[in-house]
Amino acid sequence: QKSEDFYKEAHYRKGIQYFEAEKLDDAIREWELVSTVDPDYRRTKYLIQKAETILRKIEEIKKGQSTPANK
C-alpha cells in the first residue's frame, strides 16, 4: 500500500511540474498513470480534461493561423 501511495503521489506531482512547464502531453501521461491505478486520486480526471482542452485550443489557434484570412 505504501509503495502504491508513493507511486501515485510521485506521478501526480510530476504531472503538476510538467503542466507548470507547459508540457501538457507529458503531464497528461503522468496523470494517466495515476488514474489507471486509482481513478479517483485527487483531481487527476479534472487535470487531464483541463490539459486536453488547452491542447485542443492550441491546435485550433495553430490551424487558424496557418490558413490565409478570407478577404
Protein backbone atom coordinates (compact mmCIF):
# COMPACT_ATOMS: atom_id res chain seq x y z
CA GLN A 1 0.00 0.00 0.00
CA LYS A 2 2.79 2.42 0.86
CA SER A 3 4.56 1.90 -2.44
CA GLU A 4 1.28 2.39 -4.33
CA ASP A 5 0.68 5.67 -2.49
CA PHE A 6 4.23 6.77 -3.27
CA TYR A 7 3.77 5.83 -6.96
CA LYS A 8 0.54 7.82 -7.25
CA GLU A 9 1.92 10.88 -5.46
CA ALA A 10 5.20 10.86 -7.42
CA HIS A 11 3.45 10.73 -10.80
CA TYR A 12 0.80 13.22 -9.71
CA ARG A 13 3.48 15.74 -8.71
CA LYS A 14 5.49 15.07 -11.87
CA GLY A 15 2.34 15.83 -13.86
CA ILE A 16 1.96 19.12 -12.00
CA GLN A 17 5.58 20.01 -12.80
CA TYR A 18 5.07 19.25 -16.49
CA PHE A 19 1.82 21.22 -16.53
CA GLU A 20 3.52 24.25 -15.00
CA ALA A 21 6.29 23.93 -17.60
CA GLU A 22 3.59 23.86 -20.31
CA LYS A 23 4.50 20.29 -21.30
CA LEU A 24 0.88 19.23 -21.48
CA ASP A 25 1.35 15.89 -23.26
CA ASP A 26 3.83 14.80 -20.60
CA ALA A 27 1.54 15.99 -17.82
CA ILE A 28 -1.38 14.02 -19.25
CA ARG A 29 0.76 10.88 -19.48
CA GLU A 30 1.80 11.19 -15.82
CA TRP A 31 -1.77 11.72 -14.63
CA GLU A 32 -3.00 8.81 -16.74
CA LEU A 33 -0.50 6.57 -14.95
CA VAL A 34 -2.05 7.66 -11.66
CA SER A 35 -5.56 7.30 -13.00
CA THR A 36 -5.03 3.70 -14.10
CA VAL A 37 -4.05 2.77 -10.53
CA ASP A 38 -6.63 4.97 -8.79
CA PRO A 39 -9.21 6.74 -10.99
CA ASP A 40 -10.40 8.85 -8.05
CA TYR A 41 -6.98 10.05 -6.90
CA ARG A 42 -7.07 13.75 -6.16
CA ARG A 43 -8.08 15.75 -9.23
CA THR A 44 -6.42 13.66 -11.92
CA LYS A 45 -9.55 13.35 -14.08
CA TYR A 46 -10.14 17.10 -13.91
CA LEU A 47 -6.49 17.89 -14.64
CA ILE A 48 -6.38 15.53 -17.61
CA GLN A 49 -9.52 17.13 -19.06
CA LYS A 50 -8.14 20.62 -18.45
CA ALA A 51 -4.83 19.83 -20.17
CA GLU A 52 -6.61 18.16 -23.11
CA THR A 53 -8.88 21.20 -23.50
CA ILE A 54 -5.88 23.53 -23.56
CA LEU A 55 -4.15 21.32 -26.14
CA ARG A 56 -7.26 21.36 -28.36
CA LYS A 57 -7.48 25.14 -28.15
CA ILE A 58 -3.81 25.49 -29.02
CA GLU A 59 -4.33 23.27 -32.07
CA GLU A 60 -7.34 25.34 -33.14
CA ILE A 61 -5.30 28.52 -32.87
CA LYS A 62 -2.44 26.99 -34.85
CA LYS A 63 -4.83 25.85 -37.59
CA GLY A 64 -6.40 29.30 -37.71
CA GLN A 65 -3.02 30.95 -38.13
CA SER A 66 -1.87 28.59 -40.86
CA THR A 67 -4.86 29.27 -43.14
CA PRO A 68 -4.96 32.52 -45.11
CA ALA A 69 -7.55 35.02 -43.96
CA ASN A 70 -10.57 35.46 -46.20
CA LYS A 71 -10.83 38.91 -47.77
